[in-house]
C-alpha atoms as a PDB file:
ATOM      1  CA  MET A   1      26.003-119.827 -84.678  1.00  0.00           C
ATOM      2  CA  VAL A   2      27.268-116.043 -84.789  1.00  0.00           C
ATOM      3  CA  PHE A   3      30.374-117.170 -86.011  1.00  0.00           C
ATOM      4  CA  GLU A   4      29.050-118.597 -89.166  1.00  0.00           C
ATOM      5  CA  ARG A   5      26.824-115.510 -89.720  1.00  0.00           C
ATOM      6  CA  PHE A   6      29.778-113.375 -89.470  1.00  0.00           C
ATOM      7  CA  GLN A   7      31.744-115.507 -92.096  1.00  0.00           C
ATOM      8  CA  GLN A   8      28.901-115.535 -94.366  1.00  0.00           C
ATOM      9  CA  ASN A   9      27.604-111.820 -93.842  1.00  0.00           C
ATOM     10  CA  TRP A  10      30.675-109.998 -92.485  1.00  0.00           C
ATOM     11  CA  PRO A  11      33.658-111.915 -92.976  1.00  0.00           C
ATOM     12  CA  GLU A  12      36.151-108.766 -92.596  1.00  0.00           C
ATOM     13  CA  MET A  13      34.646-108.625 -88.583  1.00  0.00           C
ATOM     14  CA  ARG A  14      35.122-112.374 -87.845  1.00  0.00           C
ATOM     15  CA  THR A  15      38.665-111.843 -86.154  1.00  0.00           C
ATOM     16  CA  PRO A  16      40.227-114.147 -83.526  1.00  0.00           C
ATOM     17  CA  ALA A  17      39.824-111.373 -80.921  1.00  0.00           C
ATOM     18  CA  MET A  18      35.939-111.247 -81.847  1.00  0.00           C
ATOM     19  CA  ALA A  19      35.763-115.078 -81.700  1.00  0.00           C
ATOM     20  CA  LEU A  20      37.166-115.305 -78.394  1.00  0.00           C
ATOM     21  CA  ALA A  21      35.098-112.279 -77.109  1.00  0.00           C
ATOM     22  CA  ILE A  22      32.015-113.961 -78.536  1.00  0.00           C
ATOM     23  CA  MET A  23      33.021-117.502 -76.992  1.00  0.00           C
ATOM     24  CA  ILE A  24      33.846-116.149 -73.553  1.00  0.00           C
ATOM     25  CA  GLN A  25      30.119-114.545 -73.629  1.00  0.00           C
ATOM     26  CA  ARG A  26      28.565-117.547 -74.712  1.00  0.00           C
ATOM     27  CA  LEU A  27      30.409-119.898 -71.988  1.00  0.00           C
ATOM     28  CA  ALA A  28      29.504-117.201 -69.324  1.00  0.00           C
ATOM     29  CA  ARG A  29      25.931-117.592 -70.324  1.00  0.00           C
ATOM     30  CA  LEU A  30      26.099-121.425 -70.299  1.00  0.00           C
ATOM     31  CA  ILE A  31      27.688-121.430 -66.819  1.00  0.00           C
ATOM     32  CA  ARG A  32      24.958-119.390 -65.520  1.00  0.00           C
ATOM     33  CA  GLU A  33      22.169-121.919 -67.182  1.00  0.00           C
ATOM     34  CA  SER A  34      23.985-124.827 -65.744  1.00  0.00           C
ATOM     35  CA  ALA A  35      24.078-122.797 -62.133  1.00  0.00           C
ATOM     36  CA  ARG A  36      20.370-122.383 -62.482  1.00  0.00           C
ATOM     37  CA  ALA A  37      19.730-125.839 -63.121  1.00  0.00           C
ATOM     38  CA  SER A  38      21.501-126.605 -60.097  1.00  0.00           C
ATOM     39  CA  LEU A  39      20.035-124.137 -57.850  1.00  0.00           C
ATOM     40  CA  GLU A  40      16.294-125.729 -58.536  1.00  0.00           C
ATOM     41  CA  PRO A  41      16.365-128.431 -55.877  1.00  0.00           C
ATOM     42  CA  PHE A  42      17.211-125.439 -53.272  1.00  0.00           C
ATOM     43  CA  ASP A  43      14.549-123.349 -54.622  1.00  0.00           C
ATOM     44  CA  ILE A  44      16.487-120.274 -54.767  1.00  0.00           C
ATOM     45  CA  SER A  45      17.260-118.098 -57.638  1.00  0.00           C
ATOM     46  CA  LEU A  46      20.642-117.425 -58.976  1.00  0.00           C
ATOM     47  CA  THR A  47      20.509-113.953 -57.806  1.00  0.00           C
ATOM     48  CA  GLU A  48      19.431-114.981 -54.502  1.00  0.00           C
ATOM     49  CA  PHE A  49      22.332-117.643 -54.398  1.00  0.00           C
ATOM     50  CA  GLU A  50      24.613-115.045 -55.391  1.00  0.00           C
ATOM     51  CA  ALA A  51      23.551-112.605 -52.243  1.00  0.00           C
ATOM     52  CA  MET A  52      23.434-115.742 -49.924  1.00  0.00           C
ATOM     53  CA  ALA A  53      26.891-116.420 -51.329  1.00  0.00           C
ATOM     54  CA  ALA A  54      28.301-112.928 -50.814  1.00  0.00           C
ATOM     55  CA  LEU A  55      26.959-113.300 -47.394  1.00  0.00           C
ATOM     56  CA  ARG A  56      28.609-116.320 -46.575  1.00  0.00           C
ATOM     57  CA  SER A  57      31.824-115.028 -47.695  1.00  0.00           C
ATOM     58  CA  HIS A  58      32.183-112.366 -44.799  1.00  0.00           C
ATOM     59  CA  PRO A  59      33.370-113.471 -41.340  1.00  0.00           C
ATOM     60  CA  ALA A  60      30.802-114.932 -39.017  1.00  0.00           C
ATOM     61  CA  PRO A  61      27.964-114.185 -38.368  1.00  0.00           C
ATOM     62  CA  HIS A  62      27.931-113.420 -42.204  1.00  0.00           C
ATOM     63  CA  ARG A  63      26.417-109.915 -41.530  1.00  0.00           C
ATOM     64  CA  VAL A  64      26.816-107.079 -43.886  1.00  0.00           C
ATOM     65  CA  MET A  65      24.743-103.972 -44.935  1.00  0.00           C
ATOM     66  CA  PRO A  66      22.981-103.874 -47.891  1.00  0.00           C
ATOM     67  CA  SER A  67      25.097-101.237 -49.883  1.00  0.00           C
ATOM     68  CA  ALA A  68      27.820-103.926 -49.674  1.00  0.00           C
ATOM     69  CA  LEU A  69      26.080-106.378 -51.810  1.00  0.00           C
ATOM     70  CA  TYR A  70      25.233-103.954 -54.560  1.00  0.00           C
ATOM     71  CA  ASP A  71      28.537-104.046 -56.206  1.00  0.00           C
ATOM     72  CA  THR A  72      28.920-107.853 -55.867  1.00  0.00           C
ATOM     73  CA  LEU A  73      25.623-108.268 -57.350  1.00  0.00           C
ATOM     74  CA  LEU A  74      25.412-105.759 -59.717  1.00  0.00           C
ATOM     75  CA  ILE A  75      21.825-104.879 -58.846  1.00  0.00           C
ATOM     76  CA  THR A  76      19.724-102.059 -58.317  1.00  0.00           C
ATOM     77  CA  SER A  77      18.522-101.322 -54.699  1.00  0.00           C
ATOM     78  CA  GLY A  78      14.746-101.922 -55.650  1.00  0.00           C
ATOM     79  CA  GLY A  79      15.884-105.294 -56.892  1.00  0.00           C
ATOM     80  CA  LEU A  80      17.983-105.923 -54.127  1.00  0.00           C
ATOM     81  CA  THR A  81      15.237-105.201 -51.640  1.00  0.00           C
ATOM     82  CA  LYS A  82      13.006-107.800 -53.440  1.00  0.00           C
ATOM     83  CA  VAL A  83      15.718-110.565 -53.398  1.00  0.00           C
ATOM     84  CA  LEU A  84      16.288-109.949 -49.833  1.00  0.00           C
ATOM     85  CA  LYS A  85      12.230-109.932 -48.706  1.00  0.00           C
ATOM     86  CA  GLY A  86      12.330-113.469 -50.868  1.00  0.00           C
ATOM     87  CA  LEU A  87      15.172-114.721 -48.651  1.00  0.00           C
ATOM     88  CA  GLU A  88      13.687-113.226 -45.309  1.00  0.00           C
ATOM     89  CA  THR A  89      10.153-114.685 -46.069  1.00  0.00           C
ATOM     90  CA  ARG A  90      11.724-118.102 -46.273  1.00  0.00           C
ATOM     91  CA  GLY A  91      13.893-117.869 -43.536  1.00  0.00           C
ATOM     92  CA  LEU A  92      17.378-117.936 -45.012  1.00  0.00           C
ATOM     93  CA  ILE A  93      18.154-114.229 -43.749  1.00  0.00           C
ATOM     94  CA  HIS A  94      17.565-112.077 -40.925  1.00  0.00           C
ATOM     95  CA  ARG A  95      17.298-108.255 -40.978  1.00  0.00           C
ATOM     96  CA  PRO A  96      18.165-107.268 -37.486  1.00  0.00           C
ATOM     97  CA  LEU A  97      17.956-103.552 -36.375  1.00  0.00           C
ATOM     98  CA  ALA A  98      21.263-101.880 -36.321  1.00  0.00           C
ATOM     99  CA  GLU A  99      22.404-100.377 -33.310  1.00  0.00           C
ATOM    100  CA  GLY A 100      21.540 -96.581 -33.046  1.00  0.00           C
ATOM    101  CA  ASP A 101      19.843 -96.198 -36.202  1.00  0.00           C
ATOM    102  CA  GLY A 102      16.686 -98.089 -36.266  1.00  0.00           C
ATOM    103  CA  ARG A 103      16.481 -97.437 -40.019  1.00  0.00           C
ATOM    104  CA  LEU A 104      19.522 -98.955 -40.882  1.00  0.00           C
ATOM    105  CA  ARG A 105      19.094-102.743 -41.136  1.00  0.00           C
ATOM    106  CA  PRO A 106      22.005-105.083 -41.941  1.00  0.00           C
ATOM    107  CA  VAL A 107      21.485-108.511 -43.627  1.00  0.00           C
ATOM    108  CA  GLU A 108      22.332-111.582 -41.899  1.00  0.00           C
ATOM    109  CA  LEU A 109      22.520-115.458 -42.926  1.00  0.00           C
ATOM    110  CA  THR A 110      20.459-117.615 -40.615  1.00  0.00           C
ATOM    111  CA  ALA A 111      21.413-121.149 -39.459  1.00  0.00           C
ATOM    112  CA  LYS A 112      18.978-122.373 -42.347  1.00  0.00           C
ATOM    113  CA  GLY A 113      20.590-120.151 -44.907  1.00  0.00           C
ATOM    114  CA  ILE A 114      24.012-121.009 -44.280  1.00  0.00           C
ATOM    115  CA  VAL A 115      23.094-124.832 -44.804  1.00  0.00           C
ATOM    116  CA  THR A 116      21.229-123.686 -47.847  1.00  0.00           C
ATOM    117  CA  VAL A 117      24.107-122.040 -49.582  1.00  0.00           C
ATOM    118  CA  GLU A 118      26.717-124.152 -48.672  1.00  0.00           C
ATOM    119  CA  ALA A 119      24.861-127.083 -50.408  1.00  0.00           C
ATOM    120  CA  ALA A 120      23.717-125.129 -53.101  1.00  0.00           C
ATOM    121  CA  MET A 121      27.389-124.008 -53.540  1.00  0.00           C
ATOM    122  CA  ARG A 122      28.559-127.864 -53.224  1.00  0.00           C
ATOM    123  CA  ALA A 123      25.833-128.141 -56.353  1.00  0.00           C
ATOM    124  CA  VAL A 124      26.867-125.202 -58.196  1.00  0.00           C
ATOM    125  CA  GLN A 125      30.569-126.500 -58.181  1.00  0.00           C
ATOM    126  CA  ALA A 126      30.136-129.848 -59.274  1.00  0.00           C
ATOM    127  CA  ALA A 127      28.056-128.582 -62.242  1.00  0.00           C
ATOM    128  CA  ASP A 128      30.822-125.998 -62.931  1.00  0.00           C
ATOM    129  CA  ALA A 129      33.411-128.646 -62.797  1.00  0.00           C
ATOM    130  CA  ARG A 130      31.441-131.070 -65.330  1.00  0.00           C
ATOM    131  CA  LEU A 131      31.059-128.175 -67.737  1.00  0.00           C
ATOM    132  CA  LEU A 132      34.332-126.785 -67.734  1.00  0.00           C
ATOM    133  CA  ARG A 133      36.623-129.962 -67.043  1.00  0.00           C
ATOM    134  CA  ASP A 134      34.866-131.853 -69.883  1.00  0.00           C
ATOM    135  CA  GLY A 135      35.357-129.588 -72.720  1.00  0.00           C
ATOM    136  CA  LEU A 136      39.435-129.760 -71.684  1.00  0.00           C
ATOM    137  CA  GLY A 137      41.982-132.513 -71.857  1.00  0.00           C
ATOM    138  CA  GLY A 138      43.353-133.662 -68.542  1.00  0.00           C
ATOM    139  CA  ASP A 139      44.122-131.522 -65.534  1.00  0.00           C
ATOM    140  CA  GLY A 140      47.245-129.971 -67.103  1.00  0.00           C
ATOM    141  CA  GLU A 141      45.125-128.363 -70.091  1.00  0.00           C
ATOM    142  CA  PHE A 142      42.639-127.247 -67.582  1.00  0.00           C
ATOM    143  CA  ASP A 143      45.494-125.753 -65.247  1.00  0.00           C
ATOM    144  CA  ARG A 144      47.008-124.036 -68.402  1.00  0.00           C
ATOM    145  CA  PHE A 145      43.596-122.419 -69.428  1.00  0.00           C
ATOM    146  CA  VAL A 146      42.670-121.264 -66.025  1.00  0.00           C
ATOM    147  CA  GLY A 147      46.592-119.410 -65.869  1.00  0.00           C
ATOM    148  CA  SER A 148      45.477-118.071 -69.307  1.00  0.00           C
ATOM    149  CA  LEU A 149      42.136-116.719 -68.106  1.00  0.00           C
ATOM    150  CA  THR A 150      43.733-115.423 -64.844  1.00  0.00           C
ATOM    151  CA  ASN A 151      46.214-113.257 -66.970  1.00  0.00           C
ATOM    152  CA  LEU A 152      43.645-112.298 -69.433  1.00  0.00           C
ATOM    153  CA  LEU A 153      40.931-111.183 -66.921  1.00  0.00           C
ATOM    154  CA  ALA A 154      44.062-109.187 -64.654  1.00  0.00           C
ATOM    155  CA  CYS A 155      44.878-107.470 -67.968  1.00  0.00           C
ATOM    156  CA  ALA A 156      41.309-106.427 -68.781  1.00  0.00           C
ATOM    157  CA  GLU A 157      40.859-105.260 -65.091  1.00  0.00           C
ATOM    158  CA  ASP A 158      43.799-103.112 -65.417  1.00  0.00           C
ATOM    159  CA  ARG A 159      42.681-101.555 -68.634  1.00  0.00           C
ATOM    160  CA  ARG A 160      38.835-100.884 -67.441  1.00  0.00           C
ATOM    161  CA  PRO A 161      37.887 -97.443 -67.561  1.00  0.00           C
ATOM    162  CA  ARG A 162      37.492 -96.121 -64.069  1.00  0.00           C
ATOM    163  CA  HIS A 163      34.584 -93.867 -63.414  1.00  0.00           C
ATOM    164  CA  GLU A 164      35.068 -91.541 -60.496  1.00  0.00           C
END
């Protein structure tokens, strides 16, 4: 593991903060792997799931312009176009023409898309719960950990460099 290599080859760099950063990155990777496995029965990729979940989080009829999905998904416009085409081909989203300007095409979940993303979300949440709760003691420890991570994330967000 990375920790052992640092300890053997560069011990002065193995600080608690570095160890925590590496553990958080590794945990994020394991959570994504678990989510991917949970999504296999639904025949959707993690990026497709994230796009559908972002759409589902908007008020009914769960319709937004593609540009609203860029920040949520951290994806290029070309990558998003590919994801949306795949979802549309499978009937999970619909791209109606916008009123006024026919070039603008919002993205909207279909009834099939809503059913799929809701079932997929339940599967991902169950996998997340198993993965995360099993590593912690009882509910009290889990709740304290969530509180600590919430504070850490808020602090990191506040200190994040802003690009204008």
